[in-house]
Amino acid sequence: MATRNVNLTDTLDAFVEERVSSGDYQNASEVMRAGLRLLKAEEDERAAKLASLNAAIQVGIDAIERGDFEVVDDVETWMVARGRRRGA
């Protein structure tokens, strides 16, 4: 296991100490690993959402390139004609 030295703000240091003192974690390293796991999970989720968005954008680009689209001058009328409401 790699060893790292980190500098924490007083606020973060106090938080780490509180978590250890509460008994939720045995030491500061456990607290730091838990925080890094959460950060990694958040970044993985963000990357997955971005990949999904990029895929959806590509579907739209492909449709446009095929000519599979319609020009709409009045969105409200277009939505009503399809039985849709804005915000629904």
Protein backbone atom coordinates (compact mmCIF):
# COMPACT_ATOMS: atom_id res chain seq x y z
CA MET A 1 0.00 0.00 0.00
CA ALA A 2 1.36 3.41 -0.96
CA THR A 3 2.02 6.03 1.67
CA ARG A 4 1.17 9.69 0.98
CA ASN A 5 1.62 12.81 3.03
CA VAL A 6 -1.26 15.24 2.75
CA ASN A 7 -1.87 18.71 4.13
CA LEU A 8 -5.35 19.35 5.47
CA THR A 9 -7.05 22.55 6.42
CA ASP A 10 -7.83 22.89 10.10
CA THR A 11 -11.49 22.22 9.33
CA LEU A 12 -10.78 19.00 7.44
CA ASP A 13 -8.29 17.86 10.08
CA ALA A 14 -10.92 18.39 12.78
CA PHE A 15 -13.44 16.43 10.71
CA VAL A 16 -11.02 13.51 10.36
CA GLU A 17 -10.36 13.57 14.09
CA GLU A 18 -14.11 13.63 14.81
CA ARG A 19 -14.71 10.59 12.61
CA VAL A 20 -11.93 8.65 14.33
CA SER A 21 -13.02 9.78 17.82
CA SER A 22 -16.60 8.72 17.08
CA GLY A 23 -15.40 5.17 16.50
CA ASP A 24 -16.71 5.09 12.93
CA TYR A 25 -13.13 4.72 11.69
CA GLN A 26 -10.08 3.29 13.39
CA ASN A 27 -7.62 5.84 12.05
CA ALA A 28 -7.17 8.83 9.75
CA SER A 29 -6.14 6.62 6.84
CA GLU A 30 -9.53 4.89 6.89
CA VAL A 31 -11.29 8.26 6.82
CA MET A 32 -9.16 9.43 3.90
CA ARG A 33 -9.74 6.20 1.94
CA ALA A 34 -13.50 6.48 2.50
CA GLY A 35 -13.47 10.05 1.23
CA LEU A 36 -11.43 9.12 -1.82
CA ARG A 37 -13.77 6.21 -2.60
CA LEU A 38 -16.69 8.64 -2.57
CA LEU A 39 -14.81 11.07 -4.83
CA LYS A 40 -13.97 8.28 -7.25
CA ALA A 41 -17.58 7.06 -7.32
CA GLU A 42 -18.78 10.62 -8.00
CA GLU A 43 -16.28 11.07 -10.83
CA ASP A 44 -17.16 7.66 -12.31
CA GLU A 45 -20.85 8.59 -12.24
CA ARG A 46 -20.12 11.94 -13.89
CA ALA A 47 -18.09 10.19 -16.62
CA ALA A 48 -20.92 7.70 -17.24
CA LYS A 49 -23.46 10.53 -17.53
CA LEU A 50 -21.19 12.38 -19.94
CA ALA A 51 -20.73 9.25 -22.06
CA SER A 52 -24.51 8.77 -22.15
CA LEU A 53 -25.05 12.39 -23.12
CA ASN A 54 -22.43 12.16 -25.86
CA ALA A 55 -24.12 9.01 -27.20
CA ALA A 56 -27.51 10.79 -27.25
CA ILE A 57 -25.97 13.76 -29.03
CA GLN A 58 -24.48 11.42 -31.62
CA VAL A 59 -27.91 9.87 -32.21
CA GLY A 60 -29.24 13.36 -32.95
CA ILE A 61 -26.31 14.22 -35.22
CA ASP A 62 -26.77 10.96 -37.11
CA ALA A 63 -30.49 11.68 -37.56
CA ILE A 64 -29.74 15.16 -38.90
CA GLU A 65 -27.14 13.78 -41.30
CA ARG A 66 -29.75 11.28 -42.60
CA GLY A 67 -32.22 14.14 -43.05
CA ASP A 68 -34.45 12.61 -40.40
CA PHE A 69 -35.77 15.80 -38.78
CA GLU A 70 -38.47 18.39 -39.15
CA VAL A 71 -38.26 22.15 -38.89
CA VAL A 72 -40.56 23.55 -36.21
CA ASP A 73 -41.45 27.24 -36.16
CA ASP A 74 -43.83 27.10 -33.21
CA VAL A 75 -42.88 24.63 -30.48
CA GLU A 76 -46.15 25.05 -28.56
CA THR A 77 -48.27 24.19 -31.62
CA TRP A 78 -45.97 21.28 -32.48
CA MET A 79 -46.26 19.89 -28.96
CA VAL A 80 -50.04 20.26 -28.83
CA ALA A 81 -50.34 18.48 -32.18
CA ARG A 82 -48.49 15.53 -30.67
CA GLY A 83 -50.50 15.54 -27.44
CA ARG A 84 -47.62 16.85 -25.35
CA ARG A 85 -47.36 19.69 -22.89
CA ARG A 86 -44.30 21.75 -22.07
CA GLY A 87 -42.69 20.58 -18.85
CA ALA A 88 -44.53 17.25 -18.90
